[in-house]
PDB file of N, CA and C in Angstrom:
ATOM      1  N   VAL A   1     135.826  94.079  93.317  1.00  0.00           N
ATOM      2  CA  VAL A   1     135.305  95.454  93.042  1.00  0.00           C
ATOM      3  C   VAL A   1     133.969  95.508  93.770  1.00  0.00           C
ATOM      4  N   GLN A   2     133.781  96.493  94.581  1.00  0.00           N
ATOM      5  CA  GLN A   2     132.632  96.879  95.326  1.00  0.00           C
ATOM      6  C   GLN A   2     131.936  98.222  94.904  1.00  0.00           C
ATOM      7  N   LEU A   3     130.659  98.184  94.993  1.00  0.00           N
ATOM      8  CA  LEU A   3     129.813  99.305  94.628  1.00  0.00           C
ATOM      9  C   LEU A   3     129.142  99.934  95.778  1.00  0.00           C
ATOM     10  N   GLN A   4     129.376 101.164  96.035  1.00  0.00           N
ATOM     11  CA  GLN A   4     128.751 101.789  97.290  1.00  0.00           C
ATOM     12  C   GLN A   4     127.816 102.813  96.859  1.00  0.00           C
ATOM     13  N   ALA A   5     126.427 102.538  97.221  1.00  0.00           N
ATOM     14  CA  ALA A   5     125.361 103.445  96.931  1.00  0.00           C
ATOM     15  C   ALA A   5     125.043 104.245  98.152  1.00  0.00           C
ATOM     16  N   SER A   6     124.628 105.309  97.807  1.00  0.00           N
ATOM     17  CA  SER A   6     124.122 106.277  99.122  1.00  0.00           C
ATOM     18  C   SER A   6     123.107 107.109  98.569  1.00  0.00           C
ATOM     19  N   GLY A   7     122.331 107.978  99.351  1.00  0.00           N
ATOM     20  CA  GLY A   7     121.447 109.038  99.095  1.00  0.00           C
ATOM     21  C   GLY A   7     120.164 108.552  99.106  1.00  0.00           C
ATOM     22  N   GLY A   8     119.857 107.175  99.659  1.00  0.00           N
ATOM     23  CA  GLY A   8     118.419 107.011  99.742  1.00  0.00           C
ATOM     24  C   GLY A   8     117.836 107.611 100.987  1.00  0.00           C
ATOM     25  N   GLY A   9     116.567 107.561 101.335  1.00  0.00           N
ATOM     26  CA  GLY A   9     115.846 108.274 102.424  1.00  0.00           C
ATOM     27  C   GLY A   9     114.562 108.223 102.360  1.00  0.00           C
ATOM     28  N   LEU A  10     113.779 109.074 103.139  1.00  0.00           N
ATOM     29  CA  LEU A  10     112.480 109.256 103.340  1.00  0.00           C
ATOM     30  C   LEU A  10     111.993 110.801 102.665  1.00  0.00           C
ATOM     31  N   VAL A  11     111.258 110.805 101.652  1.00  0.00           N
ATOM     32  CA  VAL A  11     110.994 112.134 101.090  1.00  0.00           C
ATOM     33  C   VAL A  11     109.463 112.055 100.874  1.00  0.00           C
ATOM     34  N   GLN A  12     108.705 113.186 100.806  1.00  0.00           N
ATOM     35  CA  GLN A  12     107.510 113.297 100.573  1.00  0.00           C
ATOM     36  C   GLN A  12     107.176 113.398  99.226  1.00  0.00           C
ATOM     37  N   ALA A  13     105.981 112.959  98.666  1.00  0.00           N
ATOM     38  CA  ALA A  13     105.758 112.948  97.239  1.00  0.00           C
ATOM     39  C   ALA A  13     105.879 114.311  96.760  1.00  0.00           C
ATOM     40  N   GLY A  14     106.286 114.365  95.406  1.00  0.00           N
ATOM     41  CA  GLY A  14     106.581 115.459  94.757  1.00  0.00           C
ATOM     42  C   GLY A  14     108.206 116.015  95.113  1.00  0.00           C
ATOM     43  N   GLY A  15     108.732 115.500  96.204  1.00  0.00           N
ATOM     44  CA  GLY A  15     110.099 115.782  96.386  1.00  0.00           C
ATOM     45  C   GLY A  15     111.016 115.175  95.725  1.00  0.00           C
ATOM     46  N   SER A  16     112.363 115.549  95.849  1.00  0.00           N
ATOM     47  CA  SER A  16     113.478 115.135  95.013  1.00  0.00           C
ATOM     48  C   SER A  16     114.594 114.402  95.939  1.00  0.00           C
ATOM     49  N   LEU A  17     115.257 113.335  95.347  1.00  0.00           N
ATOM     50  CA  LEU A  17     116.428 112.792  95.949  1.00  0.00           C
ATOM     51  C   LEU A  17     117.619 112.680  94.854  1.00  0.00           C
ATOM     52  N   ARG A  18     118.686 112.537  95.404  1.00  0.00           N
ATOM     53  CA  ARG A  18     119.882 112.202  94.283  1.00  0.00           C
ATOM     54  C   ARG A  18     120.501 111.138  95.012  1.00  0.00           C
ATOM     55  N   LEU A  19     120.696 109.984  94.385  1.00  0.00           N
ATOM     56  CA  LEU A  19     121.441 108.822  94.496  1.00  0.00           C
ATOM     57  C   LEU A  19     123.105 108.921  93.924  1.00  0.00           C
ATOM     58  N   SER A  20     123.914 108.368  94.573  1.00  0.00           N
ATOM     59  CA  SER A  20     125.166 108.180  94.297  1.00  0.00           C
ATOM     60  C   SER A  20     125.693 106.700  94.311  1.00  0.00           C
ATOM     61  N   CYS A  21     126.587 106.508  93.545  1.00  0.00           N
ATOM     62  CA  CYS A  21     127.057 105.183  93.564  1.00  0.00           C
ATOM     63  C   CYS A  21     128.733 105.249  93.038  1.00  0.00           C
ATOM     64  N   ALA A  22     129.509 104.629  93.865  1.00  0.00           N
ATOM     65  CA  ALA A  22     130.909 104.767  93.504  1.00  0.00           C
ATOM     66  C   ALA A  22     131.441 103.339  93.426  1.00  0.00           C
ATOM     67  N   ALA A  23     132.171 102.867  92.370  1.00  0.00           N
ATOM     68  CA  ALA A  23     132.834 101.610  92.302  1.00  0.00           C
ATOM     69  C   ALA A  23     134.283 101.611  92.794  1.00  0.00           C
ATOM     70  N   SER A  24     134.658 100.608  93.503  1.00  0.00           N
ATOM     71  CA  SER A  24     136.163 100.635  94.218  1.00  0.00           C
ATOM     72  C   SER A  24     137.130 100.426  93.129  1.00  0.00           C
ATOM     73  N   ALA A  25     136.900  99.925  92.029  1.00  0.00           N
ATOM     74  CA  ALA A  25     138.023  99.636  91.048  1.00  0.00           C
ATOM     75  C   ALA A  25     137.219  99.280  89.719  1.00  0.00           C
ATOM     76  N   GLY A  26     138.098  99.240  88.865  1.00  0.00           N
ATOM     77  CA  GLY A  26     137.528  98.563  87.418  1.00  0.00           C
ATOM     78  C   GLY A  26     137.434  99.692  86.479  1.00  0.00           C
ATOM     79  N   ILE A  27     137.121  99.473  85.379  1.00  0.00           N
ATOM     80  CA  ILE A  27     136.846 100.235  84.297  1.00  0.00           C
ATOM     81  C   ILE A  27     135.437  99.522  83.613  1.00  0.00           C
ATOM     82  N   PHE A  28     134.581 100.602  83.436  1.00  0.00           N
ATOM     83  CA  PHE A  28     133.169 100.005  83.233  1.00  0.00           C
ATOM     84  C   PHE A  28     132.661 100.495  82.060  1.00  0.00           C
ATOM     85  N   SER A  29     131.749  99.734  81.138  1.00  0.00           N
ATOM     86  CA  SER A  29     131.167 100.278  80.082  1.00  0.00           C
ATOM     87  C   SER A  29     129.909 100.995  80.070  1.00  0.00           C
ATOM     88  N   MET A  30     129.209 100.443  81.271  1.00  0.00           N
ATOM     89  CA  MET A  30     127.901 100.908  81.604  1.00  0.00           C
ATOM     90  C   MET A  30     127.739 100.904  82.961  1.00  0.00           C
ATOM     91  N   MET A  31     126.965 101.764  83.478  1.00  0.00           N
ATOM     92  CA  MET A  31     126.536 101.918  84.858  1.00  0.00           C
ATOM     93  C   MET A  31     125.102 102.169  84.908  1.00  0.00           C
ATOM     94  N   GLY A  32     124.375 101.769  85.973  1.00  0.00           N
ATOM     95  CA  GLY A  32     122.949 102.284  86.034  1.00  0.00           C
ATOM     96  C   GLY A  32     122.459 102.009  87.371  1.00  0.00           C
ATOM     97  N   TRP A  33     121.228 102.049  87.407  1.00  0.00           N
ATOM     98  CA  TRP A  33     120.379 101.857  88.571  1.00  0.00           C
ATOM     99  C   TRP A  33     118.985 100.990  88.316  1.00  0.00           C
ATOM    100  N   TYR A  34     118.713 100.187  89.189  1.00  0.00           N
ATOM    101  CA  TYR A  34     117.629  99.255  89.071  1.00  0.00           C
ATOM    102  C   TYR A  34     117.004  99.363  90.416  1.00  0.00           C
ATOM    103  N   ARG A  35     115.717  99.003  90.630  1.00  0.00           N
ATOM    104  CA  ARG A  35     114.901  99.071  91.723  1.00  0.00           C
ATOM    105  C   ARG A  35     114.054  97.882  91.927  1.00  0.00           C
ATOM    106  N   GLN A  36     113.670  97.501  93.100  1.00  0.00           N
ATOM    107  CA  GLN A  36     112.836  96.498  93.430  1.00  0.00           C
ATOM    108  C   GLN A  36     111.839  97.031  94.663  1.00  0.00           C
ATOM    109  N   ALA A  37     110.788  96.998  94.219  1.00  0.00           N
ATOM    110  CA  ALA A  37     109.587  97.351  95.238  1.00  0.00           C
ATOM    111  C   ALA A  37     109.118  96.089  95.861  1.00  0.00           C
ATOM    112  N   PRO A  38     108.521  96.368  97.112  1.00  0.00           N
ATOM    113  CA  PRO A  38     108.044  95.067  97.823  1.00  0.00           C
ATOM    114  C   PRO A  38     107.163  94.273  97.032  1.00  0.00           C
ATOM    115  N   GLY A  39     107.387  92.934  96.936  1.00  0.00           N
ATOM    116  CA  GLY A  39     106.533  92.133  96.124  1.00  0.00           C
ATOM    117  C   GLY A  39     106.694  92.043  94.583  1.00  0.00           C
ATOM    118  N   LYS A  40     107.639  92.788  94.166  1.00  0.00           N
ATOM    119  CA  LYS A  40     107.754  92.883  92.767  1.00  0.00           C
ATOM    120  C   LYS A  40     109.226  92.498  92.457  1.00  0.00           C
ATOM    121  N   GLN A  41     109.207  92.223  91.063  1.00  0.00           N
ATOM    122  CA  GLN A  41     110.589  91.827  90.507  1.00  0.00           C
ATOM    123  C   GLN A  41     111.462  93.293  90.446  1.00  0.00           C
ATOM    124  N   ARG A  42     112.646  92.857  90.385  1.00  0.00           N
ATOM    125  CA  ARG A  42     113.717  93.968  90.049  1.00  0.00           C
ATOM    126  C   ARG A  42     113.540  94.567  88.760  1.00  0.00           C
ATOM    127  N   GLU A  43     113.522  95.707  88.443  1.00  0.00           N
ATOM    128  CA  GLU A  43     113.436  96.224  87.250  1.00  0.00           C
ATOM    129  C   GLU A  43     114.623  97.516  87.141  1.00  0.00           C
ATOM    130  N   MET A  44     114.731  97.756  85.649  1.00  0.00           N
ATOM    131  CA  MET A  44     115.726  98.711  85.469  1.00  0.00           C
ATOM    132  C   MET A  44     114.973 100.050  85.545  1.00  0.00           C
ATOM    133  N   VAL A  45     115.779 100.951  86.217  1.00  0.00           N
ATOM    134  CA  VAL A  45     115.293 102.418  86.267  1.00  0.00           C
ATOM    135  C   VAL A  45     116.113 103.271  84.893  1.00  0.00           C
ATOM    136  N   ALA A  46     117.195 103.089  84.933  1.00  0.00           N
ATOM    137  CA  ALA A  46     118.021 104.076  84.168  1.00  0.00           C
ATOM    138  C   ALA A  46     119.329 103.509  84.018  1.00  0.00           C
ATOM    139  N   THR A  47     119.892 103.628  82.682  1.00  0.00           N
ATOM    140  CA  THR A  47     121.509 103.345  82.443  1.00  0.00           C
ATOM    141  C   THR A  47     122.134 104.284  81.755  1.00  0.00           C
ATOM    142  N   VAL A  48     123.268 104.363  81.836  1.00  0.00           N
ATOM    143  CA  VAL A  48     124.085 105.385  81.133  1.00  0.00           C
ATOM    144  C   VAL A  48     125.543 104.614  80.652  1.00  0.00           C
ATOM    145  N   SER A  49     125.870 104.757  79.338  1.00  0.00           N
ATOM    146  CA  SER A  49     127.075 103.909  78.917  1.00  0.00           C
ATOM    147  C   SER A  49     128.286 104.995  78.939  1.00  0.00           C
ATOM    148  N   SER A  50     129.419 104.572  78.775  1.00  0.00           N
ATOM    149  CA  SER A  50     130.792 105.370  78.903  1.00  0.00           C
ATOM    150  C   SER A  50     130.725 106.150  77.737  1.00  0.00           C
ATOM    151  N   GLY A  51     130.007 106.044  76.736  1.00  0.00           N
ATOM    152  CA  GLY A  51     129.869 106.974  75.463  1.00  0.00           C
ATOM    153  C   GLY A  51     128.771 108.055  75.826  1.00  0.00           C
ATOM    154  N   GLY A  52     128.089 108.031  76.738  1.00  0.00           N
ATOM    155  CA  GLY A  52     126.999 109.131  77.169  1.00  0.00           C
ATOM    156  C   GLY A  52     125.790 108.591  76.869  1.00  0.00           C
ATOM    157  N   ASP A  53     125.323 107.511  76.296  1.00  0.00           N
ATOM    158  CA  ASP A  53     124.019 107.117  75.867  1.00  0.00           C
ATOM    159  C   ASP A  53     123.304 106.775  77.157  1.00  0.00           C
ATOM    160  N   THR A  54     121.996 107.078  77.146  1.00  0.00           N
ATOM    161  CA  THR A  54     121.253 106.900  78.441  1.00  0.00           C
ATOM    162  C   THR A  54     119.957 106.093  77.914  1.00  0.00           C
ATOM    163  N   ASN A  55     119.314 105.421  78.975  1.00  0.00           N
ATOM    164  CA  ASN A  55     118.198 104.615  78.782  1.00  0.00           C
ATOM    165  C   ASN A  55     117.339 104.574  79.828  1.00  0.00           C
ATOM    166  N   TYR A  56     115.993 104.917  79.918  1.00  0.00           N
ATOM    167  CA  TYR A  56     115.297 105.317  81.162  1.00  0.00           C
ATOM    168  C   TYR A  56     113.879 104.232  80.921  1.00  0.00           C
ATOM    169  N   ALA A  57     113.406 104.002  82.100  1.00  0.00           N
ATOM    170  CA  ALA A  57     112.147 103.137  82.160  1.00  0.00           C
ATOM    171  C   ALA A  57     111.179 104.162  81.860  1.00  0.00           C
ATOM    172  N   ASP A  58     110.037 103.712  81.127  1.00  0.00           N
ATOM    173  CA  ASP A  58     108.958 104.666  80.679  1.00  0.00           C
ATOM    174  C   ASP A  58     108.364 105.356  81.993  1.00  0.00           C
ATOM    175  N   SER A  59     108.471 104.650  83.208  1.00  0.00           N
ATOM    176  CA  SER A  59     107.736 105.166  84.190  1.00  0.00           C
ATOM    177  C   SER A  59     108.569 106.347  84.929  1.00  0.00           C
ATOM    178  N   VAL A  60     109.800 106.406  84.707  1.00  0.00           N
ATOM    179  CA  VAL A  60     110.418 107.703  85.097  1.00  0.00           C
ATOM    180  C   VAL A  60     111.020 108.638  84.116  1.00  0.00           C
ATOM    181  N   LYS A  61     110.773 108.416  82.860  1.00  0.00           N
ATOM    182  CA  LYS A  61     111.193 109.413  81.813  1.00  0.00           C
ATOM    183  C   LYS A  61     110.553 110.880  81.998  1.00  0.00           C
ATOM    184  N   GLY A  62     111.405 111.842  82.055  1.00  0.00           N
ATOM    185  CA  GLY A  62     110.843 113.200  82.510  1.00  0.00           C
ATOM    186  C   GLY A  62     111.123 113.499  83.836  1.00  0.00           C
ATOM    187  N   ARG A  63     111.159 112.582  84.833  1.00  0.00           N
ATOM    188  CA  ARG A  63     111.358 112.981  86.305  1.00  0.00           C
ATOM    189  C   ARG A  63     112.857 112.474  86.764  1.00  0.00           C
ATOM    190  N   PHE A  64     113.249 111.451  86.387  1.00  0.00           N
ATOM    191  CA  PHE A  64     114.768 110.908  86.641  1.00  0.00           C
ATOM    192  C   PHE A  64     115.895 111.425  85.552  1.00  0.00           C
ATOM    193  N   SER A  65     116.974 111.500  86.015  1.00  0.00           N
ATOM    194  CA  SER A  65     117.996 111.844  85.257  1.00  0.00           C
ATOM    195  C   SER A  65     119.254 111.255  85.798  1.00  0.00           C
ATOM    196  N   ILE A  66     119.823 110.349  84.733  1.00  0.00           N
ATOM    197  CA  ILE A  66     121.223 109.603  85.054  1.00  0.00           C
ATOM    198  C   ILE A  66     122.354 110.236  84.464  1.00  0.00           C
ATOM    199  N   SER A  67     123.448 110.439  85.386  1.00  0.00           N
ATOM    200  CA  SER A  67     124.675 110.789  84.910  1.00  0.00           C
ATOM    201  C   SER A  67     125.849 109.936  85.562  1.00  0.00           C
ATOM    202  N   GLY A  68     126.772 109.700  84.539  1.00  0.00           N
ATOM    203  CA  GLY A  68     127.964 109.102  84.990  1.00  0.00           C
ATOM    204  C   GLY A  68     129.359 109.798  84.737  1.00  0.00           C
ATOM    205  N   ASP A  69     130.231 109.598  85.686  1.00  0.00           N
ATOM    206  CA  ASP A  69     131.591 110.070  85.810  1.00  0.00           C
ATOM    207  C   ASP A  69     132.381 108.950  85.516  1.00  0.00           C
ATOM    208  N   PHE A  70     132.623 108.372  84.251  1.00  0.00           N
ATOM    209  CA  PHE A  70     133.359 106.927  84.356  1.00  0.00           C
ATOM    210  C   PHE A  70     134.892 106.782  84.919  1.00  0.00           C
ATOM    211  N   ASP A  71     135.537 108.152  84.818  1.00  0.00           N
ATOM    212  CA  ASP A  71     136.966 108.346  85.283  1.00  0.00           C
ATOM    213  C   ASP A  71     136.877 108.219  86.593  1.00  0.00           C
ATOM    214  N   LYS A  72     135.783 108.712  87.262  1.00  0.00           N
ATOM    215  CA  LYS A  72     135.670 108.490  88.682  1.00  0.00           C
ATOM    216  C   LYS A  72     134.951 107.294  89.172  1.00  0.00           C
ATOM    217  N   LYS A  73     134.592 106.374  88.223  1.00  0.00           N
ATOM    218  CA  LYS A  73     133.634 105.122  88.548  1.00  0.00           C
ATOM    219  C   LYS A  73     132.433 105.516  89.253  1.00  0.00           C
ATOM    220  N   THR A  74     131.885 106.567  88.955  1.00  0.00           N
ATOM    221  CA  THR A  74     130.552 106.998  89.824  1.00  0.00           C
ATOM    222  C   THR A  74     129.602 107.234  88.759  1.00  0.00           C
ATOM    223  N   VAL A  75     128.251 106.977  89.412  1.00  0.00           N
ATOM    224  CA  VAL A  75     127.254 107.106  88.546  1.00  0.00           C
ATOM    225  C   VAL A  75     125.992 107.734  89.641  1.00  0.00           C
ATOM    226  N   TYR A  76     125.325 108.753  88.928  1.00  0.00           N
ATOM    227  CA  TYR A  76     124.118 109.514  89.935  1.00  0.00           C
ATOM    228  C   TYR A  76     122.762 109.243  89.185  1.00  0.00           C
ATOM    229  N   LEU A  77     121.962 109.426  90.172  1.00  0.00           N
ATOM    230  CA  LEU A  77     120.692 109.290  89.847  1.00  0.00           C
ATOM    231  C   LEU A  77     119.781 110.521  90.470  1.00  0.00           C
ATOM    232  N   GLN A  78     119.448 111.550  89.761  1.00  0.00           N
ATOM    233  CA  GLN A  78     118.536 112.561  90.247  1.00  0.00           C
ATOM    234  C   GLN A  78     117.163 112.298  90.053  1.00  0.00           C
ATOM    235  N   MET A  79     116.421 112.210  91.049  1.00  0.00           N
ATOM    236  CA  MET A  79     114.961 111.865  90.958  1.00  0.00           C
ATOM    237  C   MET A  79     114.165 113.076  91.486  1.00  0.00           C
ATOM    238  N   ASN A  80     113.436 113.597  90.580  1.00  0.00           N
ATOM    239  CA  ASN A  80     112.409 114.527  90.862  1.00  0.00           C
ATOM    240  C   ASN A  80     111.062 114.217  90.797  1.00  0.00           C
ATOM    241  N   SER A  81     110.248 115.008  91.395  1.00  0.00           N
ATOM    242  CA  SER A  81     108.769 114.647  91.194  1.00  0.00           C
ATOM    243  C   SER A  81     108.441 113.276  91.585  1.00  0.00           C
ATOM    244  N   LEU A  82     108.985 112.795  92.767  1.00  0.00           N
ATOM    245  CA  LEU A  82     108.930 111.479  93.274  1.00  0.00           C
ATOM    246  C   LEU A  82     107.472 111.240  93.662  1.00  0.00           C
ATOM    247  N   ASN A  83     106.769 109.980  93.515  1.00  0.00           N
ATOM    248  CA  ASN A  83     105.612 109.556  93.920  1.00  0.00           C
ATOM    249  C   ASN A  83     105.721 108.178  94.650  1.00  0.00           C
ATOM    250  N   ILE A  84     104.648 108.016  95.163  1.00  0.00           N
ATOM    251  CA  ILE A  84     104.477 106.668  95.996  1.00  0.00           C
ATOM    252  C   ILE A  84     105.081 105.465  95.332  1.00  0.00           C
ATOM    253  N   GLU A  85     104.661 105.298  94.109  1.00  0.00           N
ATOM    254  CA  GLU A  85     105.151 104.075  93.107  1.00  0.00           C
ATOM    255  C   GLU A  85     106.595 104.181  93.355  1.00  0.00           C
ATOM    256  N   ASP A  86     107.372 105.275  93.374  1.00  0.00           N
ATOM    257  CA  ASP A  86     108.840 104.997  93.382  1.00  0.00           C
ATOM    258  C   ASP A  86     109.448 104.465  94.507  1.00  0.00           C
ATOM    259  N   THR A  87     108.640 104.080  95.613  1.00  0.00           N
ATOM    260  CA  THR A  87     109.122 103.534  96.842  1.00  0.00           C
ATOM    261  C   THR A  87     109.947 102.318  96.408  1.00  0.00           C
ATOM    262  N   ALA A  88     111.167 102.005  96.914  1.00  0.00           N
ATOM    263  CA  ALA A  88     111.960 100.887  96.583  1.00  0.00           C
ATOM    264  C   ALA A  88     113.286 100.853  96.936  1.00  0.00           C
ATOM    265  N   VAL A  89     113.909  99.621  97.015  1.00  0.00           N
ATOM    266  CA  VAL A  89     115.303  99.657  97.156  1.00  0.00           C
ATOM    267  C   VAL A  89     115.929  99.786  95.845  1.00  0.00           C
ATOM    268  N   TYR A  90     116.885 100.681  95.755  1.00  0.00           N
ATOM    269  CA  TYR A  90     117.604 101.208  94.635  1.00  0.00           C
ATOM    270  C   TYR A  90     118.923 100.484  94.477  1.00  0.00           C
ATOM    271  N   TYR A  91     119.257  99.722  93.513  1.00  0.00           N
ATOM    272  CA  TYR A  91     120.478  98.949  93.357  1.00  0.00           C
ATOM    273  C   TYR A  91     121.260  99.739  92.177  1.00  0.00           C
ATOM    274  N   CYS A  92     122.508  99.991  92.762  1.00  0.00           N
ATOM    275  CA  CYS A  92     123.614 100.189  91.538  1.00  0.00           C
ATOM    276  C   CYS A  92     124.102  98.996  91.038  1.00  0.00           C
ATOM    277  N   ASN A  93     124.411  99.322  89.496  1.00  0.00           N
ATOM    278  CA  ASN A  93     124.686  98.206  88.682  1.00  0.00           C
ATOM    279  C   ASN A  93     125.931  98.737  87.797  1.00  0.00           C
ATOM    280  N   ALA A  94     126.914  97.735  87.457  1.00  0.00           N
ATOM    281  CA  ALA A  94     127.881  98.404  86.659  1.00  0.00           C
ATOM    282  C   ALA A  94     128.407  96.961  85.762  1.00  0.00           C
ATOM    283  N   LEU A  95     128.545  97.200  84.628  1.00  0.00           N
ATOM    284  CA  LEU A  95     129.111  96.343  83.765  1.00  0.00           C
ATOM    285  C   LEU A  95     130.648  96.498  83.355  1.00  0.00           C
ATOM    286  N   ARG A  96     131.461  95.648  83.651  1.00  0.00           N
ATOM    287  CA  ARG A  96     132.884  95.914  83.350  1.00  0.00           C
ATOM    288  C   ARG A  96     133.313  95.618  81.931  1.00  0.00           C
ATOM    289  N   THR A  97     134.209  96.390  81.294  1.00  0.00           N
ATOM    290  CA  THR A  97     134.588  96.212  80.219  1.00  0.00           C
ATOM    291  C   THR A  97     135.619  95.006  80.002  1.00  0.00           C
ATOM    292  N   ILE A  98     135.851  94.434  78.995  1.00  0.00           N
ATOM    293  CA  ILE A  98     136.810  93.308  78.756  1.00  0.00           C
ATOM    294  C   ILE A  98     136.220  91.922  79.382  1.00  0.00           C
ATOM    295  N   THR A  99     136.062  91.863  80.446  1.00  0.00           N
ATOM    296  CA  THR A  99     135.386  90.576  81.229  1.00  0.00           C
ATOM    297  C   THR A  99     133.786  90.587  81.318  1.00  0.00           C
ATOM    298  N   TRP A 100     133.323  91.702  80.897  1.00  0.00           N
ATOM    299  CA  TRP A 100     131.750  91.805  80.788  1.00  0.00           C
ATOM    300  C   TRP A 100     131.013  91.195  82.069  1.00  0.00           C
ATOM    301  N   ARG A 101     131.796  91.468  83.298  1.00  0.00           N
ATOM    302  CA  ARG A 101     131.140  90.835  84.398  1.00  0.00           C
ATOM    303  C   ARG A 101     130.345  91.986  85.053  1.00  0.00           C
ATOM    304  N   GLU A 102     129.305  91.593  85.583  1.00  0.00           N
ATOM    305  CA  GLU A 102     128.259  92.548  86.172  1.00  0.00           C
ATOM    306  C   GLU A 102     128.373  92.620  87.623  1.00  0.00           C
ATOM    307  N   TYR A 103     128.305  93.758  88.124  1.00  0.00           N
ATOM    308  CA  TYR A 103     128.549  94.015  89.659  1.00  0.00           C
ATOM    309  C   TYR A 103     127.129  94.861  90.093  1.00  0.00           C
ATOM    310  N   TRP A 104     126.683  94.454  91.307  1.00  0.00           N
ATOM    311  CA  TRP A 104     125.634  95.170  92.091  1.00  0.00           C
ATOM    312  C   TRP A 104     126.280  95.762  93.326  1.00  0.00           C
ATOM    313  N   GLY A 105     125.460  96.870  93.579  1.00  0.00           N
ATOM    314  CA  GLY A 105     125.765  97.554  94.905  1.00  0.00           C
ATOM    315  C   GLY A 105     124.897  96.898  95.923  1.00  0.00           C
ATOM    316  N   GLN A 106     124.796  97.237  97.236  1.00  0.00           N
ATOM    317  CA  GLN A 106     124.142  96.818  98.606  1.00  0.00           C
ATOM    318  C   GLN A 106     122.706  97.233  98.341  1.00  0.00           C
ATOM    319  N   GLY A 107     122.325  98.358  97.803  1.00  0.00           N
ATOM    320  CA  GLY A 107     121.114  98.741  97.659  1.00  0.00           C
ATOM    321  C   GLY A 107     120.764  99.944  98.689  1.00  0.00           C
ATOM    322  N   THR A 108     119.914 100.901  98.355  1.00  0.00           N
ATOM    323  CA  THR A 108     119.519 101.881  99.175  1.00  0.00           C
ATOM    324  C   THR A 108     118.059 102.145  99.036  1.00  0.00           C
ATOM    325  N   LEU A 109     117.471 102.427 100.169  1.00  0.00           N
ATOM    326  CA  LEU A 109     115.944 102.487 100.366  1.00  0.00           C
ATOM    327  C   LEU A 109     115.571 103.809 100.099  1.00  0.00           C
ATOM    328  N   VAL A 110     114.646 103.884  99.146  1.00  0.00           N
ATOM    329  CA  VAL A 110     113.952 105.250  98.994  1.00  0.00           C
ATOM    330  C   VAL A 110     112.415 104.929  99.344  1.00  0.00           C
ATOM    331  N   THR A 111     112.037 106.018 100.184  1.00  0.00           N
ATOM    332  CA  THR A 111     110.818 105.692 100.619  1.00  0.00           C
ATOM    333  C   THR A 111     109.928 107.091 100.399  1.00  0.00           C
ATOM    334  N   VAL A 112     108.839 106.909  99.551  1.00  0.00           N
ATOM    335  CA  VAL A 112     108.049 108.095  99.308  1.00  0.00           C
ATOM    336  C   VAL A 112     106.814 108.013  99.985  1.00  0.00           C
ATOM    337  N   SER A 113     106.533 109.181 100.851  1.00  0.00           N
ATOM    338  CA  SER A 113     105.294 109.255 101.433  1.00  0.00           C
ATOM    339  C   SER A 113     104.380 110.255 101.029  1.00  0.00           C
ATOM    340  N   SER A 114     102.948 110.009 101.259  1.00  0.00           N
ATOM    341  CA  SER A 114     102.030 110.853 100.754  1.00  0.00           C
ATOM    342  C   SER A 114     101.852 112.122 101.804  1.00  0.00           C
TER     343      SER A 114
END
């Protein structure tokens, strides 16, 4: 199983970006996004379950929105009102049903400039 993330890039503060991540195979119970800023630990940004339940980090609530199409094995992250603190490598994550194995994408860089 491979996760392919896309959509990162350079954006000015206050701008928006949309990240996408598609899995090559598998059935998943949860998909989400994590990020790692320079010198910091990886942190959860947002997750969505196959039942539609979502969870957000406090720092992104009201600005980011996660959605998933589990039939297409795809998860999206709409990021609005970006600020410099959102600069990080964003990683797609997926939790497979039955085996409960966790998969990670390769990461996509989001850079927010002032």
